[in-house]
Amino acid sequence: MVKRSKESLKAEKSRINQLIDEENRTCNKCKEKKDLGCEGCFHEKRKSTLQKMKEDIQQAMAAQ
């Protein structure tokens, strides 16, 4: 794992939080349509991937 500065980790965490918020908004629109809903839609998969990335960053920040 590449050691990164605390500032770059904070910036990356903020970027991931913005992406999660964006996915949540898009996912809500998807649910409103009720055509396919979000059962198995890519929004949930994308959000879980982003959440994993966020957890990895938090661990890296704690290790510094």
Protein backbone atom coordinates (compact mmCIF):
# COMPACT_ATOMS: atom_id res chain seq x y z
CA MET A 1 0.00 0.00 0.00
CA VAL A 2 1.27 3.44 -0.92
CA LYS A 3 1.62 5.82 1.99
CA ARG A 4 -0.36 8.98 1.38
CA SER A 5 -0.53 12.24 3.29
CA LYS A 6 -3.35 12.90 5.69
CA GLU A 7 -4.53 15.81 3.52
CA SER A 8 -4.81 13.63 0.42
CA LEU A 9 -6.69 10.98 2.41
CA LYS A 10 -9.13 13.61 3.68
CA ALA A 11 -9.65 14.91 0.15
CA GLU A 12 -10.26 11.38 -1.15
CA LYS A 13 -12.71 10.69 1.67
CA SER A 14 -14.62 13.88 0.83
CA ARG A 15 -14.72 12.91 -2.85
CA ILE A 16 -16.06 9.46 -1.99
CA ASN A 17 -18.71 10.98 0.31
CA GLN A 18 -19.84 13.19 -2.58
CA LEU A 19 -20.05 10.16 -4.88
CA ILE A 20 -22.08 8.24 -2.28
CA ASP A 21 -24.49 11.19 -1.95
CA GLU A 22 -24.81 11.35 -5.73
CA GLU A 23 -25.57 7.61 -5.92
CA ASN A 24 -28.17 7.98 -3.15
CA ARG A 25 -29.96 10.73 -5.10
CA THR A 26 -29.87 8.73 -8.33
CA CYS A 27 -31.00 5.59 -6.52
CA ASN A 28 -33.98 7.45 -5.03
CA LYS A 29 -35.02 8.56 -8.51
CA CYS A 30 -34.70 4.95 -9.68
CA LYS A 31 -36.97 3.80 -6.82
CA GLU A 32 -39.54 6.49 -7.67
CA LYS A 33 -39.88 5.11 -11.20
CA LYS A 34 -40.84 1.70 -9.79
CA ASP A 35 -40.02 0.10 -13.15
CA LEU A 36 -37.11 -1.95 -11.97
CA GLY A 37 -36.68 -0.58 -8.50
CA CYS A 38 -33.33 -0.97 -6.85
CA GLU A 39 -33.48 -4.67 -6.13
CA GLY A 40 -30.14 -5.66 -7.59
CA CYS A 41 -29.69 -2.39 -9.47
CA PHE A 42 -26.19 -1.06 -9.93
CA HIS A 43 -26.71 1.82 -7.45
CA GLU A 44 -26.59 -0.52 -4.45
CA LYS A 45 -23.50 -2.26 -5.79
CA ARG A 46 -21.81 1.07 -6.50
CA LYS A 47 -22.66 2.39 -3.01
CA SER A 48 -21.23 -0.71 -1.32
CA THR A 49 -18.02 -0.37 -3.36
CA LEU A 50 -17.71 3.30 -2.40
CA GLN A 51 -18.39 2.46 1.25
CA LYS A 52 -15.57 -0.14 1.18
CA MET A 53 -13.21 2.46 -0.30
CA LYS A 54 -14.22 4.92 2.43
CA GLU A 55 -13.52 2.32 5.13
CA ASP A 56 -10.08 1.63 3.64
CA ILE A 57 -9.29 5.35 3.76
CA GLN A 58 -10.45 5.59 7.38
CA GLN A 59 -8.15 2.69 8.29
CA ALA A 60 -5.26 4.37 6.49
CA MET A 61 -5.94 7.61 8.35
CA ALA A 62 -6.04 5.77 11.68
CA ALA A 63 -2.75 4.06 10.92
CA GLN A 64 -0.93 7.38 10.50
